[in-house]
Each structure stands twice: as structure tokens, then as C-alpha cells.
Amino acid sequence: MNAGDLEAFLARNPARRASWLAGLRQFFAYAHRTGLVLHDPAAAMEAPQPRGFRGSTLTLDEQRGLYRRWTVGEVALPHEAFIGLAALLHAATTTEPRHLTLMDIATASRTVRFPGRSVDLVLDDATWRALEACLTHRYALHTDNPHVLVTRLTKVTTNAAGAAHIRDSLAPVGLLPRILRSTRLLTLADELDTKQLTMALGMSYGGTAHYR
């Protein structure tokens, strides 16, 4: 048996190539060590993996629909609109809006400093209005909690809202926050070099490379 025979076998199921090749390598490595075969035909074979991000993202039409929902009328609640726009336009993580506090906001410059980021983020008009709506909601709760996103459970504490609140806020649109973030990250990865992206978002080099 030679490499050509193995290639013909692997071609029967290209999607399982890496898995099947791993099994072949183990078998022929053992067979070669024990003298059952004189040559290991699988040793030099490869199973290249496609590079780049392969997760779920949104089409332009889907993004436009969400943007309209979060900027026009009063369909969306304040937390939904801010969380959604922060992720879709600014690649915010689930953690960043949760831990955003009043001290992280500069009203005069309309900037915020998301936890973990090294630079202030200038908010666009839509995201700033959504943030103001969250602050109005927070004021109505008469709370001393320093966070921007305050819930009925956290209004009598100083704790940040739980990660489940971020997911639940986006439940009306049936999306996970990571899909919104990934959509924006793919665009930013095309527009910025790796160093700029890592500095702007506080990401690791490996995390940035995942989207290239």
C-alpha cells in the first residue's frame, strides 16, 4: 500500500480527512515500528485545515434590520438596544457592557472606556442615544449601583448584571451576543492591521488572527 492508495481512501469523505488521517498515521506508525511494513505511507501526508473565521455572522440586510430596530421607534428596550449596538458597531464582548460604570463615561467627549480596553471609544449617535436611554432607566430605579446596566436584582446591590442578562436582553431578536461581535470583528479585521486591532479592542494576537 502506498500514499496514492491512502489518498483514494481519504477522498471518499473529504470532511473527515483530518480524523481519518490521524487514525491511519497511528496504525502505520505502529506497523512500521513492529516491522509489519517497511515504509509508513501516511507519514508525509497532510490534512490542511481551512484558515479564517468560520462561525456565524450576519448579512448586511440582517445588520440593517437590527440597526433600524435599535434606532427607530420604541420597539426595543434600552438594554437591548445598547447591548446590541455596542456589539454590532463596536465589537463589545458580553463582559464589557456588564461592567461598564458611570466612571467609564465621559459625557463631554461622548466616549466610554470599556473594561479591558486601553483606549477610549467615541460612540456614534445611535449608540450614544441607546446609552442615554439606559442611564435614564437606571435613574428611574433610584439605585446606588454604579453600573450602567442595572436590573431589578442588582438595583439594591453594587454588583454587575449577570451574563445571562446580556443574553436575555437580546432574546427578542433571537441572537447571541457573540454573533453580533463576530460580524463586526470580521469587518474590522479587514480595515485594521493586527496591531491596531489588538490595541483598540484589548485582544490577544491569537484572538485577532482568528478573524483573518
N, C-alpha and C. Protein backbone atom coordinates (compact mmCIF):
# COMPACT_ATOMS: atom_id res chain seq x y z
N MET A 1 0.85 -1.19 0.00
CA MET A 1 0.00 0.00 0.00
C MET A 1 0.89 1.24 0.00
N ASN A 2 0.51 2.24 -0.82
CA ASN A 2 1.28 3.47 -0.88
C ASN A 2 0.39 4.68 -0.59
N ALA A 3 1.01 5.87 -0.68
CA ALA A 3 0.28 7.09 -0.36
C ALA A 3 -0.90 7.30 -1.30
N GLY A 4 -0.77 6.88 -2.56
CA GLY A 4 -1.86 7.02 -3.52
C GLY A 4 -3.09 6.24 -3.09
N ASP A 5 -2.86 5.05 -2.54
CA ASP A 5 -3.98 4.25 -2.06
C ASP A 5 -4.69 4.94 -0.89
N LEU A 6 -3.87 5.53 0.00
CA LEU A 6 -4.47 6.23 1.14
C LEU A 6 -5.23 7.47 0.69
N GLU A 7 -4.69 8.20 -0.31
CA GLU A 7 -5.38 9.38 -0.82
C GLU A 7 -6.74 8.99 -1.40
N ALA A 8 -6.78 7.86 -2.11
CA ALA A 8 -8.05 7.41 -2.68
C ALA A 8 -9.05 7.08 -1.58
N PHE A 9 -8.55 6.49 -0.49
CA PHE A 9 -9.42 6.17 0.64
C PHE A 9 -9.94 7.45 1.30
N LEU A 10 -9.07 8.42 1.53
CA LEU A 10 -9.47 9.67 2.19
C LEU A 10 -10.42 10.48 1.33
N ALA A 11 -10.31 10.35 0.03
CA ALA A 11 -11.16 11.12 -0.89
C ALA A 11 -12.62 10.69 -0.80
N ARG A 12 -12.87 9.56 -0.20
CA ARG A 12 -14.25 9.09 -0.07
C ARG A 12 -15.05 9.97 0.88
N ASN A 13 -14.37 10.65 1.79
CA ASN A 13 -15.07 11.53 2.74
C ASN A 13 -14.16 12.70 3.09
N PRO A 14 -14.10 13.72 2.23
CA PRO A 14 -13.19 14.85 2.47
C PRO A 14 -13.42 15.55 3.81
N ALA A 15 -14.67 15.59 4.27
CA ALA A 15 -14.97 16.28 5.52
C ALA A 15 -14.33 15.60 6.72
N ARG A 16 -14.06 14.29 6.60
CA ARG A 16 -13.45 13.54 7.70
C ARG A 16 -11.97 13.27 7.48
N ARG A 17 -11.36 13.98 6.51
CA ARG A 17 -9.98 13.71 6.14
C ARG A 17 -9.05 13.77 7.35
N ALA A 18 -9.12 14.85 8.12
CA ALA A 18 -8.21 15.01 9.24
C ALA A 18 -8.37 13.87 10.26
N SER A 19 -9.62 13.53 10.56
CA SER A 19 -9.87 12.47 11.53
C SER A 19 -9.39 11.12 11.02
N TRP A 20 -9.72 10.80 9.77
CA TRP A 20 -9.30 9.52 9.21
C TRP A 20 -7.78 9.44 9.07
N LEU A 21 -7.16 10.55 8.68
CA LEU A 21 -5.71 10.53 8.52
C LEU A 21 -5.01 10.32 9.85
N ALA A 22 -5.57 10.88 10.91
CA ALA A 22 -4.98 10.67 12.23
C ALA A 22 -4.99 9.19 12.59
N GLY A 23 -6.10 8.52 12.28
CA GLY A 23 -6.17 7.07 12.54
C GLY A 23 -5.18 6.29 11.70
N LEU A 24 -5.04 6.65 10.44
CA LEU A 24 -4.08 5.97 9.56
C LEU A 24 -2.66 6.16 10.04
N ARG A 25 -2.35 7.36 10.50
CA ARG A 25 -0.99 7.61 10.99
C ARG A 25 -0.66 6.75 12.20
N GLN A 26 -1.63 6.64 13.10
CA GLN A 26 -1.40 5.81 14.28
C GLN A 26 -1.18 4.35 13.88
N PHE A 27 -2.01 3.86 12.94
CA PHE A 27 -1.90 2.46 12.53
C PHE A 27 -0.56 2.18 11.85
N PHE A 28 -0.20 3.01 10.87
CA PHE A 28 1.02 2.75 10.11
C PHE A 28 2.27 3.04 10.93
N ALA A 29 2.21 3.97 11.88
CA ALA A 29 3.35 4.20 12.76
C ALA A 29 3.61 2.96 13.60
N TYR A 30 2.54 2.35 14.10
CA TYR A 30 2.67 1.11 14.87
C TYR A 30 3.18 -0.03 13.98
N ALA A 31 2.60 -0.13 12.79
CA ALA A 31 3.01 -1.20 11.87
C ALA A 31 4.47 -1.06 11.47
N HIS A 32 4.93 0.17 11.30
CA HIS A 32 6.32 0.39 10.92
C HIS A 32 7.27 0.04 12.07
N ARG A 33 6.87 0.43 13.30
CA ARG A 33 7.72 0.14 14.46
C ARG A 33 7.85 -1.36 14.69
N THR A 34 6.79 -2.09 14.45
CA THR A 34 6.80 -3.53 14.72
C THR A 34 7.25 -4.37 13.53
N GLY A 35 7.61 -3.71 12.44
CA GLY A 35 8.13 -4.43 11.29
C GLY A 35 7.08 -5.02 10.37
N LEU A 36 5.82 -4.70 10.57
CA LEU A 36 4.77 -5.24 9.70
C LEU A 36 4.85 -4.62 8.31
N VAL A 37 5.30 -3.37 8.23
CA VAL A 37 5.51 -2.70 6.93
C VAL A 37 6.89 -2.09 6.94
N LEU A 38 7.50 -1.97 5.76
CA LEU A 38 8.84 -1.38 5.66
C LEU A 38 8.79 0.13 5.50
N HIS A 39 7.64 0.64 5.08
CA HIS A 39 7.53 2.07 4.83
C HIS A 39 6.18 2.56 5.38
N ASP A 40 6.20 3.74 5.98
CA ASP A 40 4.98 4.35 6.51
C ASP A 40 4.41 5.32 5.47
N PRO A 41 3.39 4.91 4.69
CA PRO A 41 2.88 5.77 3.63
C PRO A 41 2.11 6.98 4.13
N ALA A 42 1.71 6.99 5.41
CA ALA A 42 0.92 8.10 5.94
C ALA A 42 1.77 9.19 6.55
N ALA A 43 3.08 8.93 6.72
CA ALA A 43 3.93 9.86 7.46
C ALA A 43 3.99 11.25 6.82
N ALA A 44 4.07 11.29 5.50
CA ALA A 44 4.25 12.58 4.81
C ALA A 44 2.94 13.21 4.35
N MET A 45 1.82 12.57 4.64
CA MET A 45 0.54 13.09 4.19
C MET A 45 0.05 14.19 5.14
N GLU A 46 -0.74 15.10 4.61
CA GLU A 46 -1.24 16.22 5.39
C GLU A 46 -2.75 16.35 5.27
N ALA A 47 -3.32 17.03 6.25
CA ALA A 47 -4.75 17.34 6.23
C ALA A 47 -4.90 18.82 6.55
N PRO A 48 -4.63 19.69 5.57
CA PRO A 48 -4.68 21.13 5.83
C PRO A 48 -6.05 21.58 6.29
N GLN A 49 -6.06 22.45 7.28
CA GLN A 49 -7.31 22.97 7.82
C GLN A 49 -7.56 24.37 7.25
N PRO A 50 -8.78 24.67 6.86
CA PRO A 50 -9.06 26.00 6.33
C PRO A 50 -8.82 27.07 7.38
N ARG A 51 -8.21 28.19 6.97
CA ARG A 51 -7.93 29.27 7.88
C ARG A 51 -9.06 30.29 7.87
N GLY A 52 -9.04 31.12 8.91
CA GLY A 52 -10.04 32.17 8.96
C GLY A 52 -11.25 31.78 9.80
N PHE A 53 -12.05 32.77 10.12
CA PHE A 53 -13.22 32.57 10.97
C PHE A 53 -14.31 31.84 10.20
N ARG A 54 -14.91 30.84 10.83
CA ARG A 54 -15.96 30.05 10.18
C ARG A 54 -17.25 30.01 10.99
N GLY A 55 -17.36 30.91 11.98
CA GLY A 55 -18.56 30.93 12.80
C GLY A 55 -19.70 31.69 12.13
N SER A 56 -20.79 31.83 12.85
CA SER A 56 -21.98 32.50 12.32
C SER A 56 -21.80 34.02 12.32
N THR A 57 -22.23 34.65 11.24
CA THR A 57 -22.23 36.12 11.15
C THR A 57 -23.53 36.55 10.48
N LEU A 58 -23.72 37.86 10.40
CA LEU A 58 -24.95 38.41 9.84
C LEU A 58 -24.70 39.02 8.46
N THR A 59 -25.69 38.92 7.60
CA THR A 59 -25.62 39.58 6.31
C THR A 59 -25.83 41.07 6.49
N LEU A 60 -25.54 41.85 5.45
CA LEU A 60 -25.76 43.29 5.52
C LEU A 60 -27.23 43.62 5.74
N ASP A 61 -28.12 42.89 5.08
CA ASP A 61 -29.55 43.13 5.26
C ASP A 61 -29.98 42.85 6.69
N GLU A 62 -29.43 41.80 7.28
CA GLU A 62 -29.76 41.48 8.67
C GLU A 62 -29.24 42.56 9.61
N GLN A 63 -28.05 43.06 9.33
CA GLN A 63 -27.49 44.14 10.15
C GLN A 63 -28.34 45.41 10.04
N ARG A 64 -28.77 45.72 8.84
CA ARG A 64 -29.60 46.92 8.65
C ARG A 64 -30.91 46.79 9.40
N GLY A 65 -31.51 45.59 9.37
CA GLY A 65 -32.76 45.38 10.08
C GLY A 65 -32.61 45.56 11.58
N LEU A 66 -31.53 45.05 12.13
CA LEU A 66 -31.28 45.21 13.55
C LEU A 66 -31.01 46.68 13.90
N TYR A 67 -30.26 47.34 13.05
CA TYR A 67 -29.95 48.76 13.31
C TYR A 67 -31.24 49.58 13.34
N ARG A 68 -32.14 49.31 12.42
CA ARG A 68 -33.42 50.03 12.43
C ARG A 68 -34.20 49.74 13.70
N ARG A 69 -34.22 48.48 14.11
CA ARG A 69 -34.95 48.12 15.33
C ARG A 69 -34.40 48.88 16.54
N TRP A 70 -33.08 49.02 16.60
CA TRP A 70 -32.45 49.62 17.77
C TRP A 70 -32.32 51.13 17.71
N THR A 71 -32.74 51.73 16.61
CA THR A 71 -32.59 53.19 16.48
C THR A 71 -33.90 53.91 16.15
N VAL A 72 -34.89 53.19 15.66
CA VAL A 72 -36.14 53.82 15.23
C VAL A 72 -37.28 53.34 16.12
N GLY A 73 -38.05 54.27 16.67
CA GLY A 73 -39.20 53.90 17.48
C GLY A 73 -38.81 53.40 18.85
N GLU A 74 -39.74 52.73 19.50
CA GLU A 74 -39.54 52.26 20.87
C GLU A 74 -39.82 50.77 20.99
N VAL A 75 -39.50 50.04 19.92
CA VAL A 75 -39.74 48.58 19.94
C VAL A 75 -38.82 47.90 20.93
N ALA A 76 -37.54 48.29 20.90
CA ALA A 76 -36.55 47.62 21.75
C ALA A 76 -36.42 48.32 23.10
N LEU A 77 -36.24 47.55 24.14
CA LEU A 77 -35.97 48.10 25.46
C LEU A 77 -34.56 48.69 25.49
N PRO A 78 -34.29 49.63 26.40
CA PRO A 78 -32.99 50.30 26.42
C PRO A 78 -31.79 49.36 26.47
N HIS A 79 -31.84 48.34 27.34
CA HIS A 79 -30.70 47.45 27.46
C HIS A 79 -30.47 46.67 26.16
N GLU A 80 -31.54 46.24 25.53
CA GLU A 80 -31.39 45.51 24.27
C GLU A 80 -30.70 46.36 23.22
N ALA A 81 -31.16 47.60 23.09
CA ALA A 81 -30.60 48.48 22.05
C ALA A 81 -29.13 48.77 22.31
N PHE A 82 -28.78 49.08 23.56
CA PHE A 82 -27.39 49.42 23.84
C PHE A 82 -26.48 48.22 23.69
N ILE A 83 -26.89 47.09 24.25
CA ILE A 83 -26.08 45.87 24.13
C ILE A 83 -25.91 45.49 22.67
N GLY A 84 -26.99 45.54 21.92
CA GLY A 84 -26.94 45.16 20.52
C GLY A 84 -26.06 46.07 19.70
N LEU A 85 -26.21 47.38 19.85
CA LEU A 85 -25.40 48.32 19.09
C LEU A 85 -23.94 48.29 19.51
N ALA A 86 -23.69 48.12 20.80
CA ALA A 86 -22.31 48.05 21.27
C ALA A 86 -21.57 46.86 20.66
N ALA A 87 -22.28 45.75 20.51
CA ALA A 87 -21.66 44.56 19.92
C ALA A 87 -21.56 44.68 18.41
N LEU A 88 -22.64 45.14 17.76
CA LEU A 88 -22.69 45.19 16.31
C LEU A 88 -21.80 46.27 15.71
N LEU A 89 -21.70 47.41 16.40
CA LEU A 89 -20.92 48.53 15.86
C LEU A 89 -19.54 48.67 16.49
N HIS A 90 -19.38 48.14 17.73
CA HIS A 90 -18.12 48.36 18.44
C HIS A 90 -17.49 47.07 18.95
N ALA A 91 -18.01 45.93 18.50
CA ALA A 91 -17.44 44.62 18.85
C ALA A 91 -17.33 44.40 20.35
N ALA A 92 -18.31 44.88 21.09
CA ALA A 92 -18.29 44.70 22.54
C ALA A 92 -18.51 43.24 22.90
N THR A 93 -17.80 42.78 23.91
CA THR A 93 -17.98 41.43 24.42
C THR A 93 -19.18 41.40 25.36
N THR A 94 -19.53 40.21 25.81
CA THR A 94 -20.60 40.09 26.81
C THR A 94 -20.20 40.78 28.11
N THR A 95 -18.93 40.72 28.45
CA THR A 95 -18.44 41.27 29.71
C THR A 95 -18.40 42.79 29.71
N GLU A 96 -18.04 43.40 28.60
CA GLU A 96 -17.79 44.84 28.58
C GLU A 96 -19.00 45.69 28.97
N PRO A 97 -20.18 45.53 28.37
CA PRO A 97 -21.31 46.34 28.83
C PRO A 97 -21.76 46.00 30.25
N ARG A 98 -21.57 44.75 30.66
CA ARG A 98 -21.95 44.37 32.03
C ARG A 98 -21.18 45.17 33.07
N HIS A 99 -19.89 45.37 32.84
CA HIS A 99 -19.03 46.01 33.84
C HIS A 99 -18.79 47.49 33.57
N LEU A 100 -19.46 48.04 32.58
CA LEU A 100 -19.35 49.47 32.32
C LEU A 100 -20.01 50.26 33.45
N THR A 101 -19.29 51.21 34.01
CA THR A 101 -19.82 52.01 35.12
C THR A 101 -19.92 53.48 34.71
N LEU A 102 -20.54 54.26 35.58
CA LEU A 102 -20.68 55.69 35.32
C LEU A 102 -19.32 56.36 35.20
N MET A 103 -18.34 55.85 35.92
CA MET A 103 -16.99 56.43 35.90
C MET A 103 -16.30 56.20 34.55
N ASP A 104 -16.81 55.26 33.78
CA ASP A 104 -16.19 54.93 32.48
C ASP A 104 -16.74 55.80 31.34
N ILE A 105 -17.65 56.73 31.67
CA ILE A 105 -18.31 57.53 30.65
C ILE A 105 -17.84 58.98 30.74
N ALA A 106 -17.48 59.54 29.60
CA ALA A 106 -17.12 60.96 29.53
C ALA A 106 -18.17 61.65 28.67
N THR A 107 -19.08 62.35 29.31
CA THR A 107 -20.21 62.95 28.59
C THR A 107 -19.76 64.02 27.59
N ALA A 108 -18.81 64.84 28.00
CA ALA A 108 -18.38 65.95 27.13
C ALA A 108 -17.85 65.46 25.79
N SER A 109 -17.09 64.38 25.83
CA SER A 109 -16.50 63.84 24.59
C SER A 109 -17.31 62.69 24.00
N ARG A 110 -18.36 62.31 24.71
CA ARG A 110 -19.22 61.18 24.29
C ARG A 110 -18.38 59.94 24.06
N THR A 111 -17.54 59.63 25.03
CA THR A 111 -16.69 58.44 24.95
C THR A 111 -16.95 57.53 26.14
N VAL A 112 -16.62 56.26 25.95
CA VAL A 112 -16.65 55.29 27.05
C VAL A 112 -15.34 54.52 27.03
N ARG A 113 -14.99 53.98 28.17
CA ARG A 113 -13.81 53.11 28.27
C ARG A 113 -14.30 51.75 28.74
N PHE A 114 -14.49 50.85 27.78
CA PHE A 114 -14.94 49.52 28.15
C PHE A 114 -13.85 48.83 28.97
N PRO A 115 -14.23 48.10 30.02
CA PRO A 115 -13.25 47.38 30.83
C PRO A 115 -12.40 46.46 29.97
N GLY A 116 -11.09 46.53 30.16
CA GLY A 116 -10.17 45.69 29.39
C GLY A 116 -9.59 46.37 28.17
N ARG A 117 -10.18 47.49 27.75
CA ARG A 117 -9.64 48.21 26.59
C ARG A 117 -8.71 49.32 27.07
N SER A 118 -7.73 49.63 26.23
CA SER A 118 -6.71 50.61 26.61
C SER A 118 -6.99 51.99 26.03
N VAL A 119 -8.02 52.12 25.21
CA VAL A 119 -8.33 53.41 24.60
C VAL A 119 -9.81 53.74 24.80
N ASP A 120 -10.08 55.04 24.84
CA ASP A 120 -11.47 55.48 24.93
C ASP A 120 -12.16 55.27 23.59
N LEU A 121 -13.41 54.92 23.65
CA LEU A 121 -14.18 54.65 22.44
C LEU A 121 -15.19 55.78 22.22
N VAL A 122 -15.06 56.45 21.10
CA VAL A 122 -16.01 57.51 20.75
C VAL A 122 -17.27 56.85 20.19
N LEU A 123 -18.39 57.10 20.82
CA LEU A 123 -19.63 56.47 20.40
C LEU A 123 -20.31 57.25 19.28
N ASP A 124 -20.88 56.54 18.34
CA ASP A 124 -21.68 57.14 17.29
C ASP A 124 -23.00 57.63 17.90
N ASP A 125 -23.76 58.39 17.13
CA ASP A 125 -25.00 58.97 17.64
C ASP A 125 -25.98 57.91 18.14
N ALA A 126 -26.13 56.83 17.38
CA ALA A 126 -27.11 55.80 17.73
C ALA A 126 -26.75 55.11 19.04
N THR A 127 -25.49 54.72 19.19
CA THR A 127 -25.08 54.03 20.41
C THR A 127 -25.12 54.97 21.61
N TRP A 128 -24.79 56.25 21.39
CA TRP A 128 -24.84 57.21 22.49
C TRP A 128 -26.28 57.41 22.98
N ARG A 129 -27.21 57.49 22.03
CA ARG A 129 -28.62 57.63 22.44
C ARG A 129 -29.08 56.40 23.20
N ALA A 130 -28.65 55.22 22.76
CA ALA A 130 -29.02 54.00 23.46
C ALA A 130 -28.43 53.98 24.87
N LEU A 131 -27.21 54.47 25.00
CA LEU A 131 -26.58 54.56 26.32
C LEU A 131 -27.35 55.53 27.21
N GLU A 132 -27.74 56.66 26.67
CA GLU A 132 -28.51 57.63 27.45
C GLU A 132 -29.83 57.04 27.92
N ALA A 133 -30.46 56.22 27.08
CA ALA A 133 -31.72 55.57 27.47
C ALA A 133 -31.49 54.62 28.64
N CYS A 134 -30.33 53.93 28.64
CA CYS A 134 -30.00 53.04 29.75
C CYS A 134 -29.79 53.85 31.04
N LEU A 135 -29.16 55.00 30.91
CA LEU A 135 -28.93 55.84 32.08
C LEU A 135 -30.25 56.38 32.62
N THR A 136 -31.18 56.73 31.73
CA THR A 136 -32.50 57.19 32.16
C THR A 136 -33.24 56.07 32.90
N HIS A 137 -33.15 54.85 32.36
CA HIS A 137 -33.76 53.69 33.01
C HIS A 137 -33.13 53.46 34.38
N ARG A 138 -31.81 53.58 34.44
CA ARG A 138 -31.10 53.39 35.70
C ARG A 138 -31.55 54.43 36.73
N TYR A 139 -31.70 55.68 36.31
CA TYR A 139 -32.11 56.76 37.22
C TYR A 139 -33.49 56.49 37.79
N ALA A 140 -34.37 55.92 36.96
CA ALA A 140 -35.74 55.64 37.42
C ALA A 140 -35.77 54.56 38.49
N LEU A 141 -34.72 53.76 38.57
CA LEU A 141 -34.67 52.69 39.57
C LEU A 141 -34.22 53.21 40.94
N HIS A 142 -33.74 54.46 41.01
CA HIS A 142 -33.29 55.06 42.28
C HIS A 142 -32.28 54.15 42.97
N THR A 143 -31.23 53.83 42.22
CA THR A 143 -30.23 52.89 42.71
C THR A 143 -28.89 53.57 42.94
N ASP A 144 -28.11 53.00 43.83
CA ASP A 144 -26.73 53.45 44.04
C ASP A 144 -25.73 52.54 43.33
N ASN A 145 -26.24 51.57 42.61
CA ASN A 145 -25.36 50.68 41.85
C ASN A 145 -24.61 51.51 40.79
N PRO A 146 -23.29 51.41 40.74
CA PRO A 146 -22.52 52.28 39.84
C PRO A 146 -22.53 51.84 38.37
N HIS A 147 -23.10 50.69 38.07
CA HIS A 147 -23.06 50.17 36.71
C HIS A 147 -24.14 50.81 35.82
N VAL A 148 -23.86 50.82 34.54
CA VAL A 148 -24.82 51.38 33.58
C VAL A 148 -26.03 50.47 33.45
N LEU A 149 -25.79 49.18 33.33
CA LEU A 149 -26.87 48.20 33.18
C LEU A 149 -27.27 47.69 34.56
N VAL A 150 -28.39 48.17 35.03
CA VAL A 150 -28.89 47.77 36.35
C VAL A 150 -30.23 47.06 36.16
N THR A 151 -30.40 45.96 36.87
CA THR A 151 -31.62 45.17 36.78
C THR A 151 -32.36 45.21 38.11
N ARG A 152 -33.52 44.59 38.14
CA ARG A 152 -34.29 44.53 39.39
C ARG A 152 -33.52 43.78 40.47
N LEU A 153 -32.68 42.83 40.05
CA LEU A 153 -31.91 42.06 41.02
C LEU A 153 -30.69 42.81 41.53
N THR A 154 -30.13 43.68 40.71
CA THR A 154 -28.89 44.35 41.11
C THR A 154 -29.10 45.78 41.60
N LYS A 155 -30.33 46.29 41.55
CA LYS A 155 -30.53 47.69 41.92
C LYS A 155 -30.28 47.96 43.40
N VAL A 156 -30.36 46.91 44.23
CA VAL A 156 -30.11 47.10 45.66
C VAL A 156 -28.71 46.61 46.04
N THR A 157 -27.88 46.36 45.05
CA THR A 157 -26.50 45.92 45.30
C THR A 157 -25.56 46.81 44.49
N THR A 158 -24.29 46.47 44.53
CA THR A 158 -23.31 47.15 43.67
C THR A 158 -22.75 46.18 42.63
N ASN A 159 -23.42 45.05 42.48
CA ASN A 159 -22.93 44.03 41.55
C ASN A 159 -23.27 44.37 40.10
N ALA A 160 -22.46 43.85 39.20
CA ALA A 160 -22.76 43.97 37.77
C ALA A 160 -23.87 42.99 37.41
N ALA A 161 -24.61 43.31 36.38
CA ALA A 161 -25.64 42.37 35.90
C ALA A 161 -24.97 41.08 35.45
N GLY A 162 -25.66 39.98 35.56
CA GLY A 162 -25.10 38.70 35.18
C GLY A 162 -25.01 38.55 33.67
N ALA A 163 -24.16 37.61 33.24
CA ALA A 163 -24.02 37.35 31.81
C ALA A 163 -25.34 36.92 31.18
N ALA A 164 -26.18 36.26 31.98
CA ALA A 164 -27.48 35.81 31.46
C ALA A 164 -28.35 37.01 31.07
N HIS A 165 -28.18 38.14 31.75
CA HIS A 165 -28.98 39.32 31.41
C HIS A 165 -28.63 39.84 30.02
N ILE A 166 -27.37 39.75 29.65
CA ILE A 166 -26.95 40.18 28.31
C ILE A 166 -27.61 39.31 27.26
N ARG A 167 -27.57 38.00 27.49
CA ARG A 167 -28.21 37.07 26.53
C ARG A 167 -29.72 37.28 26.50
N ASP A 168 -30.32 37.42 27.67
CA ASP A 168 -31.78 37.58 27.73
C ASP A 168 -32.23 38.89 27.07
N SER A 169 -31.41 39.92 27.16
CA SER A 169 -31.78 41.20 26.55
C SER A 169 -31.87 41.09 25.03
N LEU A 170 -31.08 40.20 24.46
CA LEU A 170 -31.10 40.02 23.01
C LEU A 170 -32.04 38.90 22.57
N ALA A 171 -32.71 38.27 23.51
CA ALA A 171 -33.64 37.19 23.18
C ALA A 171 -34.72 37.62 22.18
N PRO A 172 -35.24 38.84 22.25
CA PRO A 172 -36.28 39.24 21.29
C PRO A 172 -35.84 39.16 19.82
N VAL A 173 -34.54 39.27 19.57
CA VAL A 173 -34.07 39.18 18.17
C VAL A 173 -33.47 37.81 17.88
N GLY A 174 -33.49 36.93 18.87
CA GLY A 174 -33.04 35.56 18.66
C GLY A 174 -31.57 35.41 18.32
N LEU A 175 -30.72 36.26 18.89
CA LEU A 175 -29.30 36.23 18.58
C LEU A 175 -28.46 36.16 19.84
N LEU A 176 -27.31 35.50 19.73
CA LEU A 176 -26.33 35.51 20.80
C LEU A 176 -25.40 36.71 20.60
N PRO A 177 -24.94 37.33 21.68
CA PRO A 177 -24.05 38.48 21.54
C PRO A 177 -22.82 38.20 20.69
N ARG A 178 -22.28 36.98 20.77
CA ARG A 178 -21.05 36.68 20.04
C ARG A 178 -21.23 36.76 18.53
N ILE A 179 -22.45 36.52 18.03
CA ILE A 179 -22.68 36.61 16.59
C ILE A 179 -22.58 38.06 16.13
N LEU A 180 -23.12 38.98 16.93
CA LEU A 180 -23.02 40.40 16.61
C LEU A 180 -21.56 40.84 16.65
N ARG A 181 -20.86 40.42 17.68
CA ARG A 181 -19.45 40.80 17.83
C ARG A 181 -18.60 40.23 16.69
N SER A 182 -18.83 38.97 16.36
CA SER A 182 -18.04 38.35 15.29
C SER A 182 -18.27 39.05 13.95
N THR A 183 -19.50 39.47 13.72
CA THR A 183 -19.81 40.18 12.49
C THR A 183 -18.97 41.46 12.39
N ARG A 184 -18.90 42.20 13.48
CA ARG A 184 -18.11 43.44 13.47
C ARG A 184 -16.62 43.16 13.40
N LEU A 185 -16.16 42.13 14.10
CA LEU A 185 -14.74 41.82 14.10
C LEU A 185 -14.22 41.46 12.71
N LEU A 186 -15.03 40.77 11.93
CA LEU A 186 -14.61 40.42 10.58
C LEU A 186 -14.40 41.68 9.74
N THR A 187 -15.28 42.66 9.91
CA THR A 187 -15.12 43.92 9.18
C THR A 187 -13.88 44.67 9.65
N LEU A 188 -13.68 44.75 10.96
CA LEU A 188 -12.53 45.45 11.50
C LEU A 188 -11.22 44.77 11.10
N ALA A 189 -11.23 43.45 11.03
CA ALA A 189 -10.02 42.72 10.64
C ALA A 189 -9.60 43.05 9.22
N ASP A 190 -10.57 43.39 8.38
CA ASP A 190 -10.26 43.79 7.00
C ASP A 190 -9.77 45.24 6.94
N GLU A 191 -10.23 46.08 7.88
CA GLU A 191 -9.92 47.50 7.83
C GLU A 191 -8.66 47.88 8.60
N LEU A 192 -8.34 47.13 9.66
CA LEU A 192 -7.22 47.47 10.52
C LEU A 192 -6.14 46.39 10.46
N ASP A 193 -4.89 46.79 10.73
CA ASP A 193 -3.87 45.76 10.83
C ASP A 193 -3.95 45.11 12.21
N THR A 194 -3.22 44.03 12.38
CA THR A 194 -3.34 43.23 13.60
C THR A 194 -2.98 44.04 14.85
N LYS A 195 -1.95 44.85 14.77
CA LYS A 195 -1.53 45.64 15.94
C LYS A 195 -2.61 46.63 16.34
N GLN A 196 -3.20 47.31 15.37
CA GLN A 196 -4.26 48.27 15.67
C GLN A 196 -5.45 47.58 16.32
N LEU A 197 -5.81 46.42 15.78
CA LEU A 197 -6.97 45.71 16.29
C LEU A 197 -6.76 45.22 17.71
N THR A 198 -5.59 44.68 17.99
CA THR A 198 -5.31 44.19 19.34
C THR A 198 -5.30 45.34 20.35
N MET A 199 -4.74 46.49 19.95
CA MET A 199 -4.69 47.63 20.86
C MET A 199 -6.07 48.23 21.09
N ALA A 200 -6.84 48.36 20.03
CA ALA A 200 -8.15 49.00 20.14
C ALA A 200 -9.13 48.19 20.97
N LEU A 201 -9.08 46.86 20.81
CA LEU A 201 -10.07 46.01 21.47
C LEU A 201 -9.54 45.25 22.67
N GLY A 202 -8.25 45.38 22.95
CA GLY A 202 -7.69 44.65 24.08
C GLY A 202 -7.64 43.16 23.86
N MET A 203 -7.52 42.74 22.60
CA MET A 203 -7.49 41.32 22.26
C MET A 203 -6.06 40.82 22.19
N SER A 204 -5.90 39.51 22.27
CA SER A 204 -4.58 38.91 22.08
C SER A 204 -4.30 38.79 20.59
N TYR A 205 -3.03 38.61 20.26
CA TYR A 205 -2.68 38.45 18.84
C TYR A 205 -3.37 37.23 18.26
N GLY A 206 -3.40 36.13 19.03
CA GLY A 206 -4.05 34.92 18.55
C GLY A 206 -5.55 35.11 18.32
N GLY A 207 -6.19 35.87 19.21
CA GLY A 207 -7.60 36.13 19.04
C GLY A 207 -7.89 36.94 17.81
N THR A 208 -7.02 37.90 17.52
CA THR A 208 -7.18 38.72 16.31
C THR A 208 -6.96 37.90 15.06
N ALA A 209 -5.92 37.06 15.08
CA ALA A 209 -5.60 36.26 13.90
C ALA A 209 -6.73 35.32 13.52
N HIS A 210 -7.54 34.96 14.49
CA HIS A 210 -8.67 34.06 14.24
C HIS A 210 -9.63 34.63 13.20
N TYR A 211 -9.68 35.95 13.08
CA TYR A 211 -10.63 36.59 12.18
C TYR A 211 -10.01 37.02 10.86
N ARG A 212 -8.78 36.63 10.61
CA ARG A 212 -8.11 37.00 9.35
C ARG A 212 -8.08 35.81 8.40
